[in-house]
PDB file of all heavy atoms in Angstrom:
ATOM      1  N   GLY A   1      10.449  10.583  -8.043  1.00  0.00           N
ATOM      2  CA  GLY A   1       9.435  11.062  -7.040  1.00  0.00           C
ATOM      3  C   GLY A   1       8.148  10.501  -7.093  1.00  0.00           C
ATOM      4  O   GLY A   1       7.740   9.830  -8.161  1.00  0.00           O
ATOM      5  N   ARG A   2       7.522  10.643  -6.028  1.00  0.00           N
ATOM      6  CA  ARG A   2       6.022  10.273  -5.877  1.00  0.00           C
ATOM      7  C   ARG A   2       5.061  11.229  -6.342  1.00  0.00           C
ATOM      8  O   ARG A   2       5.244  12.303  -5.941  1.00  0.00           O
ATOM      9  CB  ARG A   2       5.810   9.722  -4.452  1.00  0.00           C
ATOM     10  CG  ARG A   2       6.608   8.577  -3.917  1.00  0.00           C
ATOM     11  CD  ARG A   2       6.210   8.284  -2.467  1.00  0.00           C
ATOM     12  NE  ARG A   2       6.900   7.119  -1.951  1.00  0.00           N
ATOM     13  CZ  ARG A   2       6.600   6.416  -0.989  1.00  0.00           C
ATOM     14  NH1 ARG A   2       5.524   6.577  -0.424  1.00  0.00           N
ATOM     15  NH2 ARG A   2       7.372   5.340  -0.609  1.00  0.00           N
ATOM     16  N   GLY A   3       4.218  10.722  -7.096  1.00  0.00           N
ATOM     17  CA  GLY A   3       3.116  11.680  -7.635  1.00  0.00           C
ATOM     18  C   GLY A   3       2.116  11.647  -6.535  1.00  0.00           C
ATOM     19  O   GLY A   3       2.256  11.151  -5.463  1.00  0.00           O
ATOM     20  N   ASN A   4       0.983  12.418  -6.929  1.00  0.00           N
ATOM     21  CA  ASN A   4      -0.179  12.490  -5.920  1.00  0.00           C
ATOM     22  C   ASN A   4      -1.427  12.331  -6.722  1.00  0.00           C
ATOM     23  O   ASN A   4      -1.358  12.470  -7.988  1.00  0.00           O
ATOM     24  CB  ASN A   4      -0.070  13.682  -5.107  1.00  0.00           C
ATOM     25  CG  ASN A   4       0.104  14.887  -5.935  1.00  0.00           C
ATOM     26  OD1 ASN A   4      -0.641  15.214  -6.752  1.00  0.00           O
ATOM     27  ND2 ASN A   4       0.976  15.825  -5.503  1.00  0.00           N
ATOM     28  N   GLY A   5      -2.514  12.147  -6.072  1.00  0.00           N
ATOM     29  CA  GLY A   5      -3.776  12.046  -6.883  1.00  0.00           C
ATOM     30  C   GLY A   5      -3.971  10.534  -7.312  1.00  0.00           C
ATOM     31  O   GLY A   5      -3.413   9.644  -6.857  1.00  0.00           O
ATOM     32  N   ILE A   6      -4.713  10.476  -8.341  1.00  0.00           N
ATOM     33  CA  ILE A   6      -5.052   9.267  -8.931  1.00  0.00           C
ATOM     34  C   ILE A   6      -4.048   8.474  -9.672  1.00  0.00           C
ATOM     35  O   ILE A   6      -3.116   9.186 -10.330  1.00  0.00           O
ATOM     36  CB  ILE A   6      -6.422   9.441  -9.898  1.00  0.00           C
ATOM     37  CG1 ILE A   6      -7.047   7.954 -10.092  1.00  0.00           C
ATOM     38  CG2 ILE A   6      -6.057  10.157 -11.239  1.00  0.00           C
ATOM     39  CD1 ILE A   6      -8.523   8.085 -10.561  1.00  0.00           C
ATOM     40  N   ILE A   7      -3.912   7.262  -9.643  1.00  0.00           N
ATOM     41  CA  ILE A   7      -3.067   6.426 -10.413  1.00  0.00           C
ATOM     42  C   ILE A   7      -3.983   5.892 -11.583  1.00  0.00           C
ATOM     43  O   ILE A   7      -4.858   5.111 -11.323  1.00  0.00           O
ATOM     44  CB  ILE A   7      -2.428   5.288  -9.681  1.00  0.00           C
ATOM     45  CG1 ILE A   7      -1.624   5.790  -8.437  1.00  0.00           C
ATOM     46  CG2 ILE A   7      -1.635   4.312 -10.608  1.00  0.00           C
ATOM     47  CD1 ILE A   7      -1.088   4.762  -7.497  1.00  0.00           C
ATOM     48  N   TRP A   8      -3.771   6.385 -12.803  1.00  0.00           N
ATOM     49  CA  TRP A   8      -4.684   6.146 -13.872  1.00  0.00           C
ATOM     50  C   TRP A   8      -4.295   4.669 -14.500  1.00  0.00           C
ATOM     51  O   TRP A   8      -5.265   4.087 -14.838  1.00  0.00           O
ATOM     52  CB  TRP A   8      -4.574   7.187 -14.974  1.00  0.00           C
ATOM     53  CG  TRP A   8      -5.402   8.233 -14.804  1.00  0.00           C
ATOM     54  CD1 TRP A   8      -4.941   9.602 -14.939  1.00  0.00           C
ATOM     55  CD2 TRP A   8      -6.816   8.403 -14.561  1.00  0.00           C
ATOM     56  NE1 TRP A   8      -6.086  10.525 -14.588  1.00  0.00           N
ATOM     57  CE2 TRP A   8      -7.172   9.735 -14.464  1.00  0.00           C
ATOM     58  CE3 TRP A   8      -7.760   7.430 -14.287  1.00  0.00           C
ATOM     59  CZ2 TRP A   8      -8.573  10.169 -14.204  1.00  0.00           C
ATOM     60  CZ3 TRP A   8      -9.032   7.740 -14.176  1.00  0.00           C
ATOM     61  CH2 TRP A   8      -9.489   9.179 -13.950  1.00  0.00           C
ATOM     62  N   MET A   9      -3.191   4.402 -14.677  1.00  0.00           N
ATOM     63  CA  MET A   9      -2.922   3.161 -15.438  1.00  0.00           C
ATOM     64  C   MET A   9      -2.016   2.094 -14.599  1.00  0.00           C
ATOM     65  O   MET A   9      -1.125   2.557 -13.828  1.00  0.00           O
ATOM     66  CB  MET A   9      -2.073   3.536 -16.778  1.00  0.00           C
ATOM     67  CG  MET A   9      -2.830   4.231 -17.760  1.00  0.00           C
ATOM     68  SD  MET A   9      -1.933   4.557 -19.313  1.00  0.00           S
ATOM     69  CE  MET A   9      -2.109   2.978 -20.039  1.00  0.00           C
ATOM     70  N   ASP A  10      -2.389   0.939 -14.693  1.00  0.00           N
ATOM     71  CA  ASP A  10      -1.732  -0.265 -14.102  1.00  0.00           C
ATOM     72  C   ASP A  10      -1.592  -1.495 -14.936  1.00  0.00           C
ATOM     73  O   ASP A  10      -2.452  -1.454 -15.836  1.00  0.00           O
ATOM     74  CB  ASP A  10      -2.390  -0.566 -12.796  1.00  0.00           C
ATOM     75  CG  ASP A  10      -1.693  -1.622 -11.876  1.00  0.00           C
ATOM     76  OD1 ASP A  10      -0.425  -1.865 -12.097  1.00  0.00           O
ATOM     77  OD2 ASP A  10      -2.351  -2.185 -11.132  1.00  0.00           O
ATOM     78  N   GLU A  11      -0.558  -2.214 -14.780  1.00  0.00           N
ATOM     79  CA  GLU A  11      -0.365  -3.355 -15.672  1.00  0.00           C
ATOM     80  C   GLU A  11      -0.293  -2.984 -17.200  1.00  0.00           C
ATOM     81  O   GLU A  11      -0.857  -3.754 -18.012  1.00  0.00           O
ATOM     82  CB  GLU A  11      -1.448  -4.487 -15.393  1.00  0.00           C
ATOM     83  CG  GLU A  11      -1.454  -4.986 -14.047  1.00  0.00           C
ATOM     84  CD  GLU A  11      -0.196  -5.819 -13.765  1.00  0.00           C
ATOM     85  OE1 GLU A  11       0.511  -6.301 -14.595  1.00  0.00           O
ATOM     86  OE2 GLU A  11      -0.109  -6.030 -12.492  1.00  0.00           O
ATOM     87  N   THR A  12       0.324  -1.998 -17.522  1.00  0.00           N
ATOM     88  CA  THR A  12       0.492  -1.450 -18.815  1.00  0.00           C
ATOM     89  C   THR A  12       1.245  -2.444 -19.709  1.00  0.00           C
ATOM     90  O   THR A  12       2.311  -2.939 -19.170  1.00  0.00           O
ATOM     91  CB  THR A  12       1.158  -0.050 -18.878  1.00  0.00           C
ATOM     92  OG1 THR A  12       0.419   0.697 -17.923  1.00  0.00           O
ATOM     93  CG2 THR A  12       1.205   0.620 -20.178  1.00  0.00           C
ATOM     94  N   ASN A  13       0.737  -2.671 -20.847  1.00  0.00           N
ATOM     95  CA  ASN A  13       1.423  -3.777 -21.699  1.00  0.00           C
ATOM     96  C   ASN A  13       1.443  -3.253 -23.097  1.00  0.00           C
ATOM     97  O   ASN A  13       0.575  -3.756 -23.920  1.00  0.00           O
ATOM     98  CB  ASN A  13       0.736  -5.003 -21.505  1.00  0.00           C
ATOM     99  CG  ASN A  13       1.480  -6.282 -22.093  1.00  0.00           C
ATOM    100  OD1 ASN A  13       2.582  -6.014 -22.523  1.00  0.00           O
ATOM    101  ND2 ASN A  13       0.763  -7.353 -22.272  1.00  0.00           N
ATOM    102  N   CYS A  14       2.230  -2.484 -23.469  1.00  0.00           N
ATOM    103  CA  CYS A  14       2.476  -1.883 -24.884  1.00  0.00           C
ATOM    104  C   CYS A  14       3.279  -2.825 -25.668  1.00  0.00           C
ATOM    105  O   CYS A  14       4.098  -3.590 -25.161  1.00  0.00           O
ATOM    106  CB  CYS A  14       3.132  -0.570 -24.850  1.00  0.00           C
ATOM    107  SG  CYS A  14       2.449   0.814 -23.820  1.00  0.00           S
ATOM    108  N   THR A  15       2.986  -3.066 -26.920  1.00  0.00           N
ATOM    109  CA  THR A  15       3.851  -3.794 -27.857  1.00  0.00           C
ATOM    110  C   THR A  15       4.985  -2.924 -28.279  1.00  0.00           C
ATOM    111  O   THR A  15       5.960  -3.580 -28.888  1.00  0.00           O
ATOM    112  CB  THR A  15       2.915  -4.268 -29.161  1.00  0.00           C
ATOM    113  OG1 THR A  15       2.613  -2.995 -29.892  1.00  0.00           O
ATOM    114  CG2 THR A  15       1.718  -4.969 -28.743  1.00  0.00           C
ATOM    115  N   GLY A  16       4.917  -1.627 -28.051  1.00  0.00           N
ATOM    116  CA  GLY A  16       6.054  -0.706 -28.438  1.00  0.00           C
ATOM    117  C   GLY A  16       5.825  -0.061 -29.843  1.00  0.00           C
ATOM    118  O   GLY A  16       6.414   0.834 -30.209  1.00  0.00           O
ATOM    119  N   THR A  17       4.702  -0.435 -30.547  1.00  0.00           N
ATOM    120  CA  THR A  17       4.288   0.138 -31.856  1.00  0.00           C
ATOM    121  C   THR A  17       3.085   1.072 -31.822  1.00  0.00           C
ATOM    122  O   THR A  17       2.932   1.779 -32.590  1.00  0.00           O
ATOM    123  CB  THR A  17       3.994  -1.006 -32.808  1.00  0.00           C
ATOM    124  OG1 THR A  17       2.805  -1.720 -32.277  1.00  0.00           O
ATOM    125  CG2 THR A  17       5.112  -1.891 -33.029  1.00  0.00           C
ATOM    126  N   GLU A  18       2.567   1.177 -30.484  1.00  0.00           N
ATOM    127  CA  GLU A  18       1.445   2.133 -30.378  1.00  0.00           C
ATOM    128  C   GLU A  18       1.782   3.565 -30.596  1.00  0.00           C
ATOM    129  O   GLU A  18       2.884   3.914 -30.341  1.00  0.00           O
ATOM    130  CB  GLU A  18       0.684   1.941 -29.020  1.00  0.00           C
ATOM    131  CG  GLU A  18       0.046   0.585 -28.877  1.00  0.00           C
ATOM    132  CD  GLU A  18       1.143  -0.440 -28.272  1.00  0.00           C
ATOM    133  OE1 GLU A  18       2.409  -0.226 -28.210  1.00  0.00           O
ATOM    134  OE2 GLU A  18       0.611  -1.487 -27.866  1.00  0.00           O
ATOM    135  N   SER A  19       0.802   4.366 -31.097  1.00  0.00           N
ATOM    136  CA  SER A  19       1.298   5.793 -31.195  1.00  0.00           C
ATOM    137  C   SER A  19       1.071   6.576 -30.050  1.00  0.00           C
ATOM    138  O   SER A  19       1.539   7.645 -30.021  1.00  0.00           O
ATOM    139  CB  SER A  19       0.334   6.463 -32.383  1.00  0.00           C
ATOM    140  OG  SER A  19      -1.057   6.246 -31.992  1.00  0.00           O
ATOM    141  N   MET A  20       0.314   6.086 -28.990  1.00  0.00           N
ATOM    142  CA  MET A  20       0.079   6.767 -27.745  1.00  0.00           C
ATOM    143  C   MET A  20      -0.110   5.832 -26.605  1.00  0.00           C
ATOM    144  O   MET A  20      -0.507   4.629 -26.780  1.00  0.00           O
ATOM    145  CB  MET A  20      -1.017   7.829 -27.797  1.00  0.00           C
ATOM    146  CG  MET A  20      -2.296   7.112 -28.047  1.00  0.00           C
ATOM    147  SD  MET A  20      -3.628   8.450 -28.475  1.00  0.00           S
ATOM    148  CE  MET A  20      -3.107   9.088 -29.883  1.00  0.00           C
ATOM    149  N   LEU A  21       0.246   6.319 -25.412  1.00  0.00           N
ATOM    150  CA  LEU A  21       0.254   5.326 -24.300  1.00  0.00           C
ATOM    151  C   LEU A  21      -1.297   4.834 -24.056  1.00  0.00           C
ATOM    152  O   LEU A  21      -1.436   3.637 -23.653  1.00  0.00           O
ATOM    153  CB  LEU A  21       0.718   6.115 -22.917  1.00  0.00           C
ATOM    154  CG  LEU A  21       0.831   5.140 -21.772  1.00  0.00           C
ATOM    155  CD1 LEU A  21       1.927   4.068 -21.751  1.00  0.00           C
ATOM    156  CD2 LEU A  21       1.254   6.044 -20.580  1.00  0.00           C
ATOM    157  N   SER A  22      -2.169   5.732 -24.162  1.00  0.00           N
ATOM    158  CA  SER A  22      -3.637   5.314 -23.977  1.00  0.00           C
ATOM    159  C   SER A  22      -4.075   4.210 -24.872  1.00  0.00           C
ATOM    160  O   SER A  22      -5.164   3.639 -24.702  1.00  0.00           O
ATOM    161  CB  SER A  22      -4.533   6.575 -24.038  1.00  0.00           C
ATOM    162  OG  SER A  22      -4.436   7.065 -25.264  1.00  0.00           O
ATOM    163  N   ALA A  23      -3.280   3.918 -25.919  1.00  0.00           N
ATOM    164  CA  ALA A  23      -3.651   2.835 -26.854  1.00  0.00           C
ATOM    165  C   ALA A  23      -3.179   1.404 -26.406  1.00  0.00           C
ATOM    166  O   ALA A  23      -3.467   0.383 -27.065  1.00  0.00           O
ATOM    167  CB  ALA A  23      -3.125   3.261 -28.273  1.00  0.00           C
ATOM    168  N   CYS A  24      -2.249   1.474 -25.405  1.00  0.00           N
ATOM    169  CA  CYS A  24      -1.779   0.246 -24.965  1.00  0.00           C
ATOM    170  C   CYS A  24      -2.743  -0.553 -24.085  1.00  0.00           C
ATOM    171  O   CYS A  24      -3.550   0.062 -23.381  1.00  0.00           O
ATOM    172  CB  CYS A  24      -0.467   0.561 -24.081  1.00  0.00           C
ATOM    173  SG  CYS A  24       0.854   1.210 -24.988  1.00  0.00           S
ATOM    174  N   ARG A  25      -2.537  -1.774 -23.973  1.00  0.00           N
ATOM    175  CA  ARG A  25      -3.345  -2.652 -23.121  1.00  0.00           C
ATOM    176  C   ARG A  25      -2.971  -2.300 -21.545  1.00  0.00           C
ATOM    177  O   ARG A  25      -1.795  -2.152 -21.451  1.00  0.00           O
ATOM    178  CB  ARG A  25      -3.220  -4.167 -23.332  1.00  0.00           C
ATOM    179  CG  ARG A  25      -3.820  -4.570 -24.692  1.00  0.00           C
ATOM    180  CD  ARG A  25      -3.667  -5.905 -24.809  1.00  0.00           C
ATOM    181  NE  ARG A  25      -4.648  -6.652 -24.001  1.00  0.00           N
ATOM    182  CZ  ARG A  25      -4.870  -7.857 -23.939  1.00  0.00           C
ATOM    183  NH1 ARG A  25      -4.127  -8.697 -24.433  1.00  0.00           N
ATOM    184  NH2 ARG A  25      -5.623  -8.351 -22.900  1.00  0.00           N
ATOM    185  N   ALA A  26      -3.942  -2.277 -20.823  1.00  0.00           N
ATOM    186  CA  ALA A  26      -3.850  -2.047 -19.229  1.00  0.00           C
ATOM    187  C   ALA A  26      -4.995  -2.378 -18.616  1.00  0.00           C
ATOM    188  O   ALA A  26      -6.034  -2.702 -19.209  1.00  0.00           O
ATOM    189  CB  ALA A  26      -3.404  -0.528 -19.173  1.00  0.00           C
ATOM    190  N   ARG A  27      -5.009  -2.396 -17.204  1.00  0.00           N
ATOM    191  CA  ARG A  27      -6.189  -2.474 -16.483  1.00  0.00           C
ATOM    192  C   ARG A  27      -7.139  -1.283 -16.754  1.00  0.00           C
ATOM    193  O   ARG A  27      -6.726  -0.314 -17.328  1.00  0.00           O
ATOM    194  CB  ARG A  27      -5.787  -2.495 -14.996  1.00  0.00           C
ATOM    195  CG  ARG A  27      -5.015  -3.792 -14.676  1.00  0.00           C
ATOM    196  CD  ARG A  27      -4.728  -3.896 -13.176  1.00  0.00           C
ATOM    197  NE  ARG A  27      -5.902  -4.244 -12.419  1.00  0.00           N
ATOM    198  CZ  ARG A  27      -6.034  -4.460 -11.204  1.00  0.00           C
ATOM    199  NH1 ARG A  27      -4.990  -4.318 -10.533  1.00  0.00           N
ATOM    200  NH2 ARG A  27      -7.184  -4.790 -10.606  1.00  0.00           N
ATOM    201  N   PRO A  28      -8.351  -1.428 -16.443  1.00  0.00           N
ATOM    202  CA  PRO A  28      -9.354  -0.239 -16.687  1.00  0.00           C
ATOM    203  C   PRO A  28      -8.763   1.039 -16.115  1.00  0.00           C
ATOM    204  O   PRO A  28      -8.129   0.926 -14.909  1.00  0.00           O
ATOM    205  CB  PRO A  28     -10.656  -0.756 -16.088  1.00  0.00           C
ATOM    206  CG  PRO A  28     -10.560  -2.224 -16.227  1.00  0.00           C
ATOM    207  CD  PRO A  28      -9.120  -2.518 -15.966  1.00  0.00           C
ATOM    208  N   TRP A  29      -9.102   2.116 -16.595  1.00  0.00           N
ATOM    209  CA  TRP A  29      -8.664   3.382 -16.094  1.00  0.00           C
ATOM    210  C   TRP A  29      -8.961   3.509 -14.614  1.00  0.00           C
ATOM    211  O   TRP A  29     -10.046   3.325 -14.094  1.00  0.00           O
ATOM    212  CB  TRP A  29      -9.378   4.657 -16.699  1.00  0.00           C
ATOM    213  CG  TRP A  29      -8.965   4.833 -18.209  1.00  0.00           C
ATOM    214  CD1 TRP A  29      -9.718   4.573 -19.294  1.00  0.00           C
ATOM    215  CD2 TRP A  29      -7.744   5.428 -18.634  1.00  0.00           C
ATOM    216  NE1 TRP A  29      -8.972   4.913 -20.392  1.00  0.00           N
ATOM    217  CE2 TRP A  29      -7.773   5.557 -19.914  1.00  0.00           C
ATOM    218  CE3 TRP A  29      -6.629   6.017 -17.977  1.00  0.00           C
ATOM    219  CZ2 TRP A  29      -6.821   6.048 -20.732  1.00  0.00           C
ATOM    220  CZ3 TRP A  29      -5.694   6.507 -18.746  1.00  0.00           C
ATOM    221  CH2 TRP A  29      -5.626   6.569 -20.067  1.00  0.00           C
ATOM    222  N   GLY A  30      -7.867   3.887 -13.774  1.00  0.00           N
ATOM    223  CA  GLY A  30      -8.148   4.073 -12.430  1.00  0.00           C
ATOM    224  C   GLY A  30      -8.142   2.844 -11.507  1.00  0.00           C
ATOM    225  O   GLY A  30      -8.217   2.978 -10.228  1.00  0.00           O
ATOM    226  N   ILE A  31      -8.109   1.836 -12.031  1.00  0.00           N
ATOM    227  CA  ILE A  31      -8.205   0.414 -11.378  1.00  0.00           C
ATOM    228  C   ILE A  31      -6.797  -0.074 -11.217  1.00  0.00           C
ATOM    229  O   ILE A  31      -6.111  -0.356 -12.072  1.00  0.00           O
ATOM    230  CB  ILE A  31      -9.099  -0.625 -12.063  1.00  0.00           C
ATOM    231  CG1 ILE A  31     -10.499  -0.148 -12.278  1.00  0.00           C
ATOM    232  CG2 ILE A  31      -9.098  -1.842 -11.152  1.00  0.00           C
ATOM    233  CD1 ILE A  31     -11.252   0.223 -11.096  1.00  0.00           C
ATOM    234  N   ASN A  32      -6.376  -0.047  -9.947  1.00  0.00           N
ATOM    235  CA  ASN A  32      -4.817  -0.460  -9.695  1.00  0.00           C
ATOM    236  C   ASN A  32      -4.800  -1.013  -8.313  1.00  0.00           C
ATOM    237  O   ASN A  32      -5.663  -1.031  -7.440  1.00  0.00           O
ATOM    238  CB  ASN A  32      -3.973   0.679  -9.882  1.00  0.00           C
ATOM    239  CG  ASN A  32      -4.141   1.780  -8.816  1.00  0.00           C
ATOM    240  OD1 ASN A  32      -3.826   1.584  -7.687  1.00  0.00           O
ATOM    241  ND2 ASN A  32      -5.062   2.710  -9.199  1.00  0.00           N
ATOM    242  N   ASN A  33      -3.646  -1.701  -7.984  1.00  0.00           N
ATOM    243  CA  ASN A  33      -3.227  -2.231  -6.708  1.00  0.00           C
ATOM    244  C   ASN A  33      -1.925  -1.534  -6.392  1.00  0.00           C
ATOM    245  O   ASN A  33      -1.030  -2.342  -5.857  1.00  0.00           O
ATOM    246  CB  ASN A  33      -3.189  -3.786  -6.700  1.00  0.00           C
ATOM    247  CG  ASN A  33      -2.280  -4.311  -7.712  1.00  0.00           C
ATOM    248  OD1 ASN A  33      -1.599  -3.535  -8.402  1.00  0.00           O
ATOM    249  ND2 ASN A  33      -2.208  -5.667  -7.833  1.00  0.00           N
ATOM    250  N   CYS A  34      -1.748  -0.354  -6.666  1.00  0.00           N
ATOM    251  CA  CYS A  34      -0.489   0.387  -6.502  1.00  0.00           C
ATOM    252  C   CYS A  34      -0.586   1.513  -5.444  1.00  0.00           C
ATOM    253  O   CYS A  34      -1.578   1.958  -5.051  1.00  0.00           O
ATOM    254  CB  CYS A  34      -0.083   0.867  -7.842  1.00  0.00           C
ATOM    255  SG  CYS A  34       0.061  -0.206  -9.144  1.00  0.00           S
ATOM    256  N   TYR A  35       0.625   2.039  -5.189  1.00  0.00           N
ATOM    257  CA  TYR A  35       0.734   3.205  -4.409  1.00  0.00           C
ATOM    258  C   TYR A  35       1.714   4.157  -5.089  1.00  0.00           C
ATOM    259  O   TYR A  35       2.439   3.602  -5.941  1.00  0.00           O
ATOM    260  CB  TYR A  35       1.137   2.966  -2.789  1.00  0.00           C
ATOM    261  CG  TYR A  35       2.420   2.430  -2.576  1.00  0.00           C
ATOM    262  CD1 TYR A  35       3.526   3.368  -2.164  1.00  0.00           C
ATOM    263  CD2 TYR A  35       2.843   1.128  -3.062  1.00  0.00           C
ATOM    264  CE1 TYR A  35       4.742   2.787  -1.888  1.00  0.00           C
ATOM    265  CE2 TYR A  35       4.110   0.652  -2.876  1.00  0.00           C
ATOM    266  CZ  TYR A  35       5.030   1.470  -2.397  1.00  0.00           C
ATOM    267  OH  TYR A  35       6.365   1.074  -2.105  1.00  0.00           O
ATOM    268  N   HIS A  36       1.843   5.383  -4.753  1.00  0.00           N
ATOM    269  CA  HIS A  36       2.788   6.220  -5.501  1.00  0.00           C
ATOM    270  C   HIS A  36       4.301   5.942  -5.342  1.00  0.00           C
ATOM    271  O   HIS A  36       5.060   6.432  -6.227  1.00  0.00           O
ATOM    272  CB  HIS A  36       2.458   7.812  -5.194  1.00  0.00           C
ATOM    273  CG  HIS A  36       1.269   8.182  -5.754  1.00  0.00           C
ATOM    274  ND1 HIS A  36       1.079   8.325  -7.060  1.00  0.00           N
ATOM    275  CD2 HIS A  36      -0.019   8.535  -5.245  1.00  0.00           C
ATOM    276  CE1 HIS A  36      -0.170   8.692  -7.373  1.00  0.00           C
ATOM    277  NE2 HIS A  36      -0.773   8.857  -6.189  1.00  0.00           N
TER     278      HIS A  36
END
C-alpha cells in the first residue's frame, strides 16, 4: 500500500551490516524524486 506524508529516505544503500536503517547511506533526509 501507499503511505502518506513525507518520504524520508531515497537511494538507500545499506551494506547489510548496519545496526539500524538510519545508519545506511542514502540521500539527505526528505530529499527524493519519488511518489508513494
